[in-house]
Amino acid sequence: MGPVKKAMEDAGMEKRQIDEIVLVGGSTRIPKVQQLLKDYFDGKEPNKGVNPDEAVAYGAAVQGGILSGEGGDETKDILLLDVAPLNLGIETVGGVMAILKLPA
């Protein structure tokens, strides 16, 4: 659960602030992963209405509609925020990744 805790910390959020848990990627189909997340979020069930293999593509399509202005009424009130973006880094001695700190 380390990556989940780190993502929550990086986002400056607490468990009680999470409305929905959406799982992304094939490993999220593993029952133990689902149970660990449910336990971590105090019994809150992960949302099973989104295919974990399609969630990222769906979000990208929604963002494309918003940015292009062609989403119409369906996207006019949507604001997508990337609260836990990926890190950019370089490989250093021993194969360790050194994260580059970029100005916001």
PDB file of N, CA and C in Angstrom:
ATOM      1  N   MET A   1       0.819  -1.195   0.000  1.00  0.00           N
ATOM      2  CA  MET A   1       0.000   0.000   0.000  1.00  0.00           C
ATOM      3  C   MET A   1       0.862   1.257   0.000  1.00  0.00           C
ATOM      4  N   GLY A   2       2.166   1.074  -0.052  1.00  0.00           N
ATOM      5  CA  GLY A   2       3.075   2.213  -0.057  1.00  0.00           C
ATOM      6  C   GLY A   2       2.799   3.217  -1.169  1.00  0.00           C
ATOM      7  N   PRO A   3       2.641   2.763  -2.432  1.00  0.00           N
ATOM      8  CA  PRO A   3       2.369   3.719  -3.511  1.00  0.00           C
ATOM      9  C   PRO A   3       1.052   4.474  -3.325  1.00  0.00           C
ATOM     10  N   VAL A   4       0.047   3.811  -2.764  1.00  0.00           N
ATOM     11  CA  VAL A   4      -1.241   4.481  -2.529  1.00  0.00           C
ATOM     12  C   VAL A   4      -1.070   5.560  -1.466  1.00  0.00           C
ATOM     13  N   LYS A   5      -0.389   5.217  -0.383  1.00  0.00           N
ATOM     14  CA  LYS A   5      -0.145   6.194   0.687  1.00  0.00           C
ATOM     15  C   LYS A   5       0.664   7.376   0.163  1.00  0.00           C
ATOM     16  N   LYS A   6       1.675   7.092  -0.667  1.00  0.00           N
ATOM     17  CA  LYS A   6       2.516   8.155  -1.237  1.00  0.00           C
ATOM     18  C   LYS A   6       1.696   9.051  -2.155  1.00  0.00           C
ATOM     19  N   ALA A   7       0.829   8.455  -2.985  1.00  0.00           N
ATOM     20  CA  ALA A   7      -0.023   9.251  -3.875  1.00  0.00           C
ATOM     21  C   ALA A   7      -0.951  10.153  -3.071  1.00  0.00           C
ATOM     22  N   MET A   8      -1.507   9.619  -1.987  1.00  0.00           N
ATOM     23  CA  MET A   8      -2.391  10.417  -1.130  1.00  0.00           C
ATOM     24  C   MET A   8      -1.613  11.568  -0.492  1.00  0.00           C
ATOM     25  N   GLU A   9      -0.412  11.269  -0.033  1.00  0.00           N
ATOM     26  CA  GLU A   9       0.435  12.291   0.581  1.00  0.00           C
ATOM     27  C   GLU A   9       0.805  13.368  -0.439  1.00  0.00           C
ATOM     28  N   ASP A  10       1.230  12.938  -1.629  1.00  0.00           N
ATOM     29  CA  ASP A  10       1.610  13.888  -2.681  1.00  0.00           C
ATOM     30  C   ASP A  10       0.448  14.778  -3.088  1.00  0.00           C
ATOM     31  N   ALA A  11      -0.754  14.218  -3.066  1.00  0.00           N
ATOM     32  CA  ALA A  11      -1.950  14.981  -3.441  1.00  0.00           C
ATOM     33  C   ALA A  11      -2.447  15.854  -2.298  1.00  0.00           C
ATOM     34  N   GLY A  12      -1.882  15.665  -1.103  1.00  0.00           N
ATOM     35  CA  GLY A  12      -2.329  16.441   0.053  1.00  0.00           C
ATOM     36  C   GLY A  12      -3.749  16.076   0.464  1.00  0.00           C
ATOM     37  N   MET A  13      -4.098  14.809   0.300  1.00  0.00           N
ATOM     38  CA  MET A  13      -5.464  14.368   0.596  1.00  0.00           C
ATOM     39  C   MET A  13      -5.479  13.335   1.708  1.00  0.00           C
ATOM     40  N   GLU A  14      -6.633  13.243   2.354  1.00  0.00           N
ATOM     41  CA  GLU A  14      -6.863  12.224   3.370  1.00  0.00           C
ATOM     42  C   GLU A  14      -7.882  11.230   2.834  1.00  0.00           C
ATOM     43  N   LYS A  15      -7.894  10.037   3.412  1.00  0.00           N
ATOM     44  CA  LYS A  15      -8.795   8.979   2.939  1.00  0.00           C
ATOM     45  C   LYS A  15     -10.249   9.433   2.910  1.00  0.00           C
ATOM     46  N   ARG A  16     -10.658  10.199   3.889  1.00  0.00           N
ATOM     47  CA  ARG A  16     -12.063  10.622   3.974  1.00  0.00           C
ATOM     48  C   ARG A  16     -12.464  11.546   2.819  1.00  0.00           C
ATOM     49  N   GLN A  17     -11.484  12.112   2.114  1.00  0.00           N
ATOM     50  CA  GLN A  17     -11.772  13.019   1.003  1.00  0.00           C
ATOM     51  C   GLN A  17     -11.997  12.282  -0.322  1.00  0.00           C
ATOM     52  N   ILE A  18     -11.790  10.989  -0.341  1.00  0.00           N
ATOM     53  CA  ILE A  18     -11.932  10.203  -1.566  1.00  0.00           C
ATOM     54  C   ILE A  18     -13.389   9.784  -1.737  1.00  0.00           C
ATOM     55  N   ASP A  19     -13.987  10.214  -2.852  1.00  0.00           N
ATOM     56  CA  ASP A  19     -15.381   9.870  -3.138  1.00  0.00           C
ATOM     57  C   ASP A  19     -15.503   8.518  -3.831  1.00  0.00           C
ATOM     58  N   GLU A  20     -14.600   8.246  -4.774  1.00  0.00           N
ATOM     59  CA  GLU A  20     -14.666   6.998  -5.539  1.00  0.00           C
ATOM     60  C   GLU A  20     -13.269   6.447  -5.736  1.00  0.00           C
ATOM     61  N   ILE A  21     -13.183   5.147  -5.775  1.00  0.00           N
ATOM     62  CA  ILE A  21     -11.924   4.464  -6.053  1.00  0.00           C
ATOM     63  C   ILE A  21     -12.074   3.805  -7.421  1.00  0.00           C
ATOM     64  N   VAL A  22     -11.291   4.265  -8.392  1.00  0.00           N
ATOM     65  CA  VAL A  22     -11.318   3.705  -9.743  1.00  0.00           C
ATOM     66  C   VAL A  22      -9.974   3.028  -9.971  1.00  0.00           C
ATOM     67  N   LEU A  23     -10.008   1.750 -10.288  1.00  0.00           N
ATOM     68  CA  LEU A  23      -8.788   0.980 -10.494  1.00  0.00           C
ATOM     69  C   LEU A  23      -8.400   0.988 -11.971  1.00  0.00           C
ATOM     70  N   VAL A  24      -7.090   1.150 -12.224  1.00  0.00           N
ATOM     71  CA  VAL A  24      -6.588   1.234 -13.590  1.00  0.00           C
ATOM     72  C   VAL A  24      -5.458   0.230 -13.772  1.00  0.00           C
ATOM     73  N   GLY A  25      -5.510  -0.538 -14.851  1.00  0.00           N
ATOM     74  CA  GLY A  25      -4.453  -1.494 -15.162  1.00  0.00           C
ATOM     75  C   GLY A  25      -4.852  -2.914 -14.826  1.00  0.00           C
ATOM     76  N   GLY A  26      -4.227  -3.848 -15.493  1.00  0.00           N
ATOM     77  CA  GLY A  26      -4.579  -5.254 -15.364  1.00  0.00           C
ATOM     78  C   GLY A  26      -4.425  -5.830 -13.974  1.00  0.00           C
ATOM     79  N   SER A  27      -3.392  -5.412 -13.231  1.00  0.00           N
ATOM     80  CA  SER A  27      -3.172  -6.001 -11.907  1.00  0.00           C
ATOM     81  C   SER A  27      -4.269  -5.636 -10.917  1.00  0.00           C
ATOM     82  N   THR A  28      -5.082  -4.651 -11.255  1.00  0.00           N
ATOM     83  CA  THR A  28      -6.174  -4.272 -10.356  1.00  0.00           C
ATOM     84  C   THR A  28      -7.297  -5.300 -10.370  1.00  0.00           C
ATOM     85  N   ARG A  29      -7.214  -6.289 -11.263  1.00  0.00           N
ATOM     86  CA  ARG A  29      -8.201  -7.375 -11.282  1.00  0.00           C
ATOM     87  C   ARG A  29      -7.892  -8.438 -10.221  1.00  0.00           C
ATOM     88  N   ILE A  30      -6.723  -8.365  -9.630  1.00  0.00           N
ATOM     89  CA  ILE A  30      -6.313  -9.343  -8.626  1.00  0.00           C
ATOM     90  C   ILE A  30      -7.134  -9.112  -7.357  1.00  0.00           C
ATOM     91  N   PRO A  31      -7.861 -10.137  -6.906  1.00  0.00           N
ATOM     92  CA  PRO A  31      -8.720  -9.970  -5.722  1.00  0.00           C
ATOM     93  C   PRO A  31      -7.986  -9.428  -4.496  1.00  0.00           C
ATOM     94  N   LYS A  32      -6.743  -9.829  -4.286  1.00  0.00           N
ATOM     95  CA  LYS A  32      -5.989  -9.351  -3.115  1.00  0.00           C
ATOM     96  C   LYS A  32      -5.746  -7.849  -3.207  1.00  0.00           C
ATOM     97  N   VAL A  33      -5.451  -7.343  -4.394  1.00  0.00           N
ATOM     98  CA  VAL A  33      -5.260  -5.899  -4.585  1.00  0.00           C
ATOM     99  C   VAL A  33      -6.556  -5.167  -4.254  1.00  0.00           C
ATOM    100  N   GLN A  34      -7.666  -5.675  -4.747  1.00  0.00           N
ATOM    101  CA  GLN A  34      -8.965  -5.057  -4.465  1.00  0.00           C
ATOM    102  C   GLN A  34      -9.264  -5.062  -2.969  1.00  0.00           C
ATOM    103  N   GLN A  35      -8.961  -6.166  -2.292  1.00  0.00           N
ATOM    104  CA  GLN A  35      -9.228  -6.267  -0.854  1.00  0.00           C
ATOM    105  C   GLN A  35      -8.337  -5.320  -0.057  1.00  0.00           C
ATOM    106  N   LEU A  36      -7.067  -5.224  -0.430  1.00  0.00           N
ATOM    107  CA  LEU A  36      -6.156  -4.308   0.261  1.00  0.00           C
ATOM    108  C   LEU A  36      -6.636  -2.866   0.142  1.00  0.00           C
ATOM    109  N   LEU A  37      -7.084  -2.486  -1.052  1.00  0.00           N
ATOM    110  CA  LEU A  37      -7.591  -1.127  -1.243  1.00  0.00           C
ATOM    111  C   LEU A  37      -8.868  -0.899  -0.442  1.00  0.00           C
ATOM    112  N   LYS A  38      -9.752  -1.870  -0.452  1.00  0.00           N
ATOM    113  CA  LYS A  38     -10.996  -1.762   0.315  1.00  0.00           C
ATOM    114  C   LYS A  38     -10.682  -1.591   1.802  1.00  0.00           C
ATOM    115  N   ASP A  39      -9.751  -2.377   2.307  1.00  0.00           N
ATOM    116  CA  ASP A  39      -9.362  -2.269   3.711  1.00  0.00           C
ATOM    117  C   ASP A  39      -8.726  -0.914   4.008  1.00  0.00           C
ATOM    118  N   TYR A  40      -7.842  -0.465   3.122  1.00  0.00           N
ATOM    119  CA  TYR A  40      -7.159   0.820   3.330  1.00  0.00           C
ATOM    120  C   TYR A  40      -8.158   1.972   3.372  1.00  0.00           C
ATOM    121  N   PHE A  41      -9.160   1.914   2.504  1.00  0.00           N
ATOM    122  CA  PHE A  41     -10.154   2.988   2.447  1.00  0.00           C
ATOM    123  C   PHE A  41     -11.378   2.676   3.316  1.00  0.00           C
ATOM    124  N   ASP A  42     -11.132   1.986   4.429  1.00  0.00           N
ATOM    125  CA  ASP A  42     -12.150   1.755   5.464  1.00  0.00           C
ATOM    126  C   ASP A  42     -13.434   1.123   4.937  1.00  0.00           C
ATOM    127  N   GLY A  43     -13.294   0.122   4.065  1.00  0.00           N
ATOM    128  CA  GLY A  43     -14.450  -0.624   3.586  1.00  0.00           C
ATOM    129  C   GLY A  43     -15.097  -0.094   2.327  1.00  0.00           C
ATOM    130  N   LYS A  44     -14.591   1.017   1.795  1.00  0.00           N
ATOM    131  CA  LYS A  44     -15.160   1.574   0.560  1.00  0.00           C
ATOM    132  C   LYS A  44     -14.830   0.651  -0.610  1.00  0.00           C
ATOM    133  N   GLU A  45     -15.863   0.260  -1.360  1.00  0.00           N
ATOM    134  CA  GLU A  45     -15.696  -0.648  -2.498  1.00  0.00           C
ATOM    135  C   GLU A  45     -15.146   0.101  -3.713  1.00  0.00           C
ATOM    136  N   PRO A  46     -14.167  -0.486  -4.416  1.00  0.00           N
ATOM    137  CA  PRO A  46     -13.715   0.119  -5.674  1.00  0.00           C
ATOM    138  C   PRO A  46     -14.848   0.140  -6.700  1.00  0.00           C
ATOM    139  N   ASN A  47     -14.901   1.178  -7.510  1.00  0.00           N
ATOM    140  CA  ASN A  47     -15.899   1.314  -8.572  1.00  0.00           C
ATOM    141  C   ASN A  47     -15.584   0.290  -9.655  1.00  0.00           C
ATOM    142  N   LYS A  48     -16.524  -0.591  -9.926  1.00  0.00           N
ATOM    143  CA  LYS A  48     -16.314  -1.635 -10.936  1.00  0.00           C
ATOM    144  C   LYS A  48     -16.977  -1.272 -12.266  1.00  0.00           C
ATOM    145  N   GLY A  49     -17.497  -0.051 -12.378  1.00  0.00           N
ATOM    146  CA  GLY A  49     -18.198   0.362 -13.584  1.00  0.00           C
ATOM    147  C   GLY A  49     -17.280   0.821 -14.699  1.00  0.00           C
ATOM    148  N   VAL A  50     -15.978   0.916 -14.417  1.00  0.00           N
ATOM    149  CA  VAL A  50     -15.016   1.364 -15.422  1.00  0.00           C
ATOM    150  C   VAL A  50     -14.050   0.215 -15.691  1.00  0.00           C
ATOM    151  N   ASN A  51     -13.886  -0.141 -16.963  1.00  0.00           N
ATOM    152  CA  ASN A  51     -12.940  -1.183 -17.345  1.00  0.00           C
ATOM    153  C   ASN A  51     -11.529  -0.692 -17.038  1.00  0.00           C
ATOM    154  N   PRO A  52     -10.753  -1.424 -16.211  1.00  0.00           N
ATOM    155  CA  PRO A  52      -9.421  -0.956 -15.836  1.00  0.00           C
ATOM    156  C   PRO A  52      -8.465  -0.789 -17.010  1.00  0.00           C
ATOM    157  N   ASP A  53      -8.736  -1.483 -18.120  1.00  0.00           N
ATOM    158  CA  ASP A  53      -7.881  -1.350 -19.300  1.00  0.00           C
ATOM    159  C   ASP A  53      -8.253  -0.137 -20.147  1.00  0.00           C
ATOM    160  N   GLU A  54      -9.429   0.414 -19.929  1.00  0.00           N
ATOM    161  CA  GLU A  54      -9.915   1.528 -20.749  1.00  0.00           C
ATOM    162  C   GLU A  54      -9.995   2.850 -19.993  1.00  0.00           C
ATOM    163  N   ALA A  55      -9.771   2.844 -18.692  1.00  0.00           N
ATOM    164  CA  ALA A  55      -9.976   4.040 -17.875  1.00  0.00           C
ATOM    165  C   ALA A  55      -9.105   5.216 -18.313  1.00  0.00           C
ATOM    166  N   VAL A  56      -7.833   4.959 -18.584  1.00  0.00           N
ATOM    167  CA  VAL A  56      -6.931   6.043 -18.975  1.00  0.00           C
ATOM    168  C   VAL A  56      -7.334   6.610 -20.331  1.00  0.00           C
ATOM    169  N   ALA A  57      -7.673   5.736 -21.282  1.00  0.00           N
ATOM    170  CA  ALA A  57      -8.102   6.195 -22.606  1.00  0.00           C
ATOM    171  C   ALA A  57      -9.393   7.005 -22.504  1.00  0.00           C
ATOM    172  N   TYR A  58     -10.300   6.572 -21.639  1.00  0.00           N
ATOM    173  CA  TYR A  58     -11.558   7.303 -21.442  1.00  0.00           C
ATOM    174  C   TYR A  58     -11.275   8.707 -20.902  1.00  0.00           C
ATOM    175  N   GLY A  59     -10.415   8.793 -19.897  1.00  0.00           N
ATOM    176  CA  GLY A  59     -10.051  10.099 -19.342  1.00  0.00           C
ATOM    177  C   GLY A  59      -9.386  10.997 -20.372  1.00  0.00           C
ATOM    178  N   ALA A  60      -8.525  10.414 -21.209  1.00  0.00           N
ATOM    179  CA  ALA A  60      -7.859  11.192 -22.257  1.00  0.00           C
ATOM    180  C   ALA A  60      -8.870  11.697 -23.279  1.00  0.00           C
ATOM    181  N   ALA A  61      -9.868  10.874 -23.603  1.00  0.00           N
ATOM    182  CA  ALA A  61     -10.902  11.296 -24.554  1.00  0.00           C
ATOM    183  C   ALA A  61     -11.734  12.438 -23.979  1.00  0.00           C
ATOM    184  N   VAL A  62     -12.074  12.343 -22.704  1.00  0.00           N
ATOM    185  CA  VAL A  62     -12.834  13.425 -22.057  1.00  0.00           C
ATOM    186  C   VAL A  62     -12.007  14.705 -22.052  1.00  0.00           C
ATOM    187  N   GLN A  63     -10.724  14.598 -21.688  1.00  0.00           N
ATOM    188  CA  GLN A  63      -9.858  15.780 -21.671  1.00  0.00           C
ATOM    189  C   GLN A  63      -9.718  16.366 -23.074  1.00  0.00           C
ATOM    190  N   GLY A  64      -9.618  15.509 -24.096  1.00  0.00           N
ATOM    191  CA  GLY A  64      -9.554  15.994 -25.477  1.00  0.00           C
ATOM    192  C   GLY A  64     -10.797  16.771 -25.856  1.00  0.00           C
ATOM    193  N   GLY A  65     -11.960  16.278 -25.445  1.00  0.00           N
ATOM    194  CA  GLY A  65     -13.212  16.988 -25.706  1.00  0.00           C
ATOM    195  C   GLY A  65     -13.258  18.334 -25.015  1.00  0.00           C
ATOM    196  N   ILE A  66     -12.756  18.386 -23.792  1.00  0.00           N
ATOM    197  CA  ILE A  66     -12.734  19.648 -23.040  1.00  0.00           C
ATOM    198  C   ILE A  66     -11.805  20.646 -23.717  1.00  0.00           C
ATOM    199  N   LEU A  67     -10.581  20.210 -24.028  1.00  0.00           N
ATOM    200  CA  LEU A  67      -9.590  21.113 -24.614  1.00  0.00           C
ATOM    201  C   LEU A  67      -9.975  21.592 -26.006  1.00  0.00           C
ATOM    202  N   SER A  68     -10.645  20.737 -26.777  1.00  0.00           N
ATOM    203  CA  SER A  68     -11.028  21.119 -28.136  1.00  0.00           C
ATOM    204  C   SER A  68     -12.284  21.977 -28.160  1.00  0.00           C
ATOM    205  N   GLY A  69     -13.005  21.984 -27.046  1.00  0.00           N
ATOM    206  CA  GLY A  69     -14.259  22.734 -27.002  1.00  0.00           C
ATOM    207  C   GLY A  69     -15.400  22.014 -27.688  1.00  0.00           C
ATOM    208  N   GLU A  70     -15.186  20.771 -28.085  1.00  0.00           N
ATOM    209  CA  GLU A  70     -16.212  20.027 -28.802  1.00  0.00           C
ATOM    210  C   GLU A  70     -16.982  19.055 -27.919  1.00  0.00           C
ATOM    211  N   GLY A  71     -16.786  19.145 -26.611  1.00  0.00           N
ATOM    212  CA  GLY A  71     -17.482  18.245 -25.711  1.00  0.00           C
ATOM    213  C   GLY A  71     -18.915  18.651 -25.451  1.00  0.00           C
ATOM    214  N   GLY A  72     -19.250  19.890 -25.778  1.00  0.00           N
ATOM    215  CA  GLY A  72     -20.614  20.369 -25.588  1.00  0.00           C
ATOM    216  C   GLY A  72     -21.018  20.431 -24.129  1.00  0.00           C
ATOM    217  N   ASP A  73     -22.312  20.303 -23.890  1.00  0.00           N
ATOM    218  CA  ASP A  73     -22.854  20.393 -22.538  1.00  0.00           C
ATOM    219  C   ASP A  73     -22.351  19.276 -21.631  1.00  0.00           C
ATOM    220  N   GLU A  74     -21.981  18.146 -22.227  1.00  0.00           N
ATOM    221  CA  GLU A  74     -21.544  17.006 -21.419  1.00  0.00           C
ATOM    222  C   GLU A  74     -20.226  17.259 -20.698  1.00  0.00           C
ATOM    223  N   THR A  75     -19.386  18.137 -21.237  1.00  0.00           N
ATOM    224  CA  THR A  75     -18.075  18.369 -20.624  1.00  0.00           C
ATOM    225  C   THR A  75     -17.874  19.793 -20.134  1.00  0.00           C
ATOM    226  N   LYS A  76     -18.863  20.651 -20.280  1.00  0.00           N
ATOM    227  CA  LYS A  76     -18.648  22.067 -19.947  1.00  0.00           C
ATOM    228  C   LYS A  76     -18.323  22.310 -18.477  1.00  0.00           C
ATOM    229  N   ASP A  77     -18.813  21.461 -17.581  1.00  0.00           N
ATOM    230  CA  ASP A  77     -18.582  21.664 -16.153  1.00  0.00           C
ATOM    231  C   ASP A  77     -17.553  20.699 -15.569  1.00  0.00           C
ATOM    232  N   ILE A  78     -16.807  20.010 -16.424  1.00  0.00           N
ATOM    233  CA  ILE A  78     -15.824  19.035 -15.951  1.00  0.00           C
ATOM    234  C   ILE A  78     -14.446  19.679 -15.902  1.00  0.00           C
ATOM    235  N   LEU A  79     -13.750  19.445 -14.801  1.00  0.00           N
ATOM    236  CA  LEU A  79     -12.369  19.895 -14.660  1.00  0.00           C
ATOM    237  C   LEU A  79     -11.548  18.690 -14.224  1.00  0.00           C
ATOM    238  N   LEU A  80     -10.647  18.222 -15.084  1.00  0.00           N
ATOM    239  CA  LEU A  80      -9.796  17.089 -14.738  1.00  0.00           C
ATOM    240  C   LEU A  80      -8.486  17.608 -14.169  1.00  0.00           C
ATOM    241  N   LEU A  81      -8.121  17.087 -13.017  1.00  0.00           N
ATOM    242  CA  LEU A  81      -6.877  17.479 -12.369  1.00  0.00           C
ATOM    243  C   LEU A  81      -5.965  16.272 -12.248  1.00  0.00           C
ATOM    244  N   ASP A  82      -4.702  16.460 -12.521  1.00  0.00           N
ATOM    245  CA  ASP A  82      -3.716  15.399 -12.363  1.00  0.00           C
ATOM    246  C   ASP A  82      -3.058  15.612 -11.010  1.00  0.00           C
ATOM    247  N   VAL A  83      -3.580  14.971  -9.980  1.00  0.00           N
ATOM    248  CA  VAL A  83      -3.082  15.213  -8.627  1.00  0.00           C
ATOM    249  C   VAL A  83      -1.843  14.404  -8.291  1.00  0.00           C
ATOM    250  N   ALA A  84      -1.545  13.388  -9.059  1.00  0.00           N
ATOM    251  CA  ALA A  84      -0.363  12.568  -8.800  1.00  0.00           C
ATOM    252  C   ALA A  84       0.325  12.228 -10.120  1.00  0.00           C
ATOM    253  N   PRO A  85       0.940  13.234 -10.766  1.00  0.00           N
ATOM    254  CA  PRO A  85       1.582  12.985 -12.060  1.00  0.00           C
ATOM    255  C   PRO A  85       2.816  12.101 -11.904  1.00  0.00           C
ATOM    256  N   LEU A  86       3.246  11.546 -13.027  1.00  0.00           N
ATOM    257  CA  LEU A  86       4.445  10.718 -13.025  1.00  0.00           C
ATOM    258  C   LEU A  86       5.681  11.577 -12.810  1.00  0.00           C
ATOM    259  N   ASN A  87       6.711  10.983 -12.252  1.00  0.00           N
ATOM    260  CA  ASN A  87       7.974  11.687 -12.047  1.00  0.00           C
ATOM    261  C   ASN A  87       8.846  11.575 -13.293  1.00  0.00           C
ATOM    262  N   LEU A  88       9.663  12.588 -13.509  1.00  0.00           N
ATOM    263  CA  LEU A  88      10.647  12.589 -14.582  1.00  0.00           C
ATOM    264  C   LEU A  88      12.008  12.468 -13.917  1.00  0.00           C
ATOM    265  N   GLY A  89      12.824  11.545 -14.386  1.00  0.00           N
ATOM    266  CA  GLY A  89      14.117  11.355 -13.741  1.00  0.00           C
ATOM    267  C   GLY A  89      15.158  10.834 -14.702  1.00  0.00           C
ATOM    268  N   ILE A  90      16.357  10.666 -14.161  1.00  0.00           N
ATOM    269  CA  ILE A  90      17.467  10.122 -14.937  1.00  0.00           C
ATOM    270  C   ILE A  90      18.065   8.949 -14.158  1.00  0.00           C
ATOM    271  N   GLU A  91      18.671   8.016 -14.898  1.00  0.00           N
ATOM    272  CA  GLU A  91      19.321   6.884 -14.241  1.00  0.00           C
ATOM    273  C   GLU A  91      20.699   7.311 -13.763  1.00  0.00           C
ATOM    274  N   THR A  92      20.991   7.024 -12.507  1.00  0.00           N
ATOM    275  CA  THR A  92      22.289   7.366 -11.929  1.00  0.00           C
ATOM    276  C   THR A  92      23.058   6.079 -11.639  1.00  0.00           C
ATOM    277  N   VAL A  93      24.173   6.206 -10.957  1.00  0.00           N
ATOM    278  CA  VAL A  93      25.031   5.067 -10.650  1.00  0.00           C
ATOM    279  C   VAL A  93      24.229   3.968  -9.959  1.00  0.00           C
ATOM    280  N   GLY A  94      24.412   2.747 -10.406  1.00  0.00           N
ATOM    281  CA  GLY A  94      23.721   1.617  -9.805  1.00  0.00           C
ATOM    282  C   GLY A  94      22.303   1.430 -10.301  1.00  0.00           C
ATOM    283  N   GLY A  95      21.918   2.159 -11.339  1.00  0.00           N
ATOM    284  CA  GLY A  95      20.582   2.003 -11.896  1.00  0.00           C
ATOM    285  C   GLY A  95      19.479   2.663 -11.098  1.00  0.00           C
ATOM    286  N   VAL A  96      19.849   3.545 -10.187  1.00  0.00           N
ATOM    287  CA  VAL A  96      18.860   4.238  -9.356  1.00  0.00           C
ATOM    288  C   VAL A  96      18.324   5.443 -10.115  1.00  0.00           C
ATOM    289  N   MET A  97      17.024   5.701  -9.978  1.00  0.00           N
ATOM    290  CA  MET A  97      16.422   6.857 -10.643  1.00  0.00           C
ATOM    291  C   MET A  97      16.513   8.079  -9.740  1.00  0.00           C
ATOM    292  N   ALA A  98      17.102   9.140 -10.262  1.00  0.00           N
ATOM    293  CA  ALA A  98      17.135  10.419  -9.556  1.00  0.00           C
ATOM    294  C   ALA A  98      16.023  11.284 -10.143  1.00  0.00           C
ATOM    295  N   ILE A  99      15.075  11.654  -9.319  1.00  0.00           N
ATOM    296  CA  ILE A  99      13.924  12.435  -9.777  1.00  0.00           C
ATOM    297  C   ILE A  99      14.344  13.885  -9.989  1.00  0.00           C
ATOM    298  N   LEU A 100      13.992  14.421 -11.157  1.00  0.00           N
ATOM    299  CA  LEU A 100      14.279  15.818 -11.465  1.00  0.00           C
ATOM    300  C   LEU A 100      13.177  16.683 -10.878  1.00  0.00           C
ATOM    301  N   LYS A 101      13.555  17.693 -10.156  1.00  0.00           N
ATOM    302  CA  LYS A 101      12.586  18.627  -9.581  1.00  0.00           C
ATOM    303  C   LYS A 101      12.418  19.780 -10.563  1.00  0.00           C
ATOM    304  N   LEU A 102      11.229  19.895 -11.129  1.00  0.00           N
ATOM    305  CA  LEU A 102      10.949  20.947 -12.095  1.00  0.00           C
ATOM    306  C   LEU A 102      10.104  22.024 -11.430  1.00  0.00           C
ATOM    307  N   PRO A 103      10.327  23.289 -11.770  1.00  0.00           N
ATOM    308  CA  PRO A 103       9.474  24.336 -11.189  1.00  0.00           C
ATOM    309  C   PRO A 103       8.037  24.183 -11.663  1.00  0.00           C
ATOM    310  N   ALA A 104       7.109  24.501 -10.783  1.00  0.00           N
ATOM    311  CA  ALA A 104       5.681  24.370 -11.115  1.00  0.00           C
ATOM    312  C   ALA A 104       5.251  25.434 -12.079  1.00  0.00           C
TER     313      ALA A 104
END
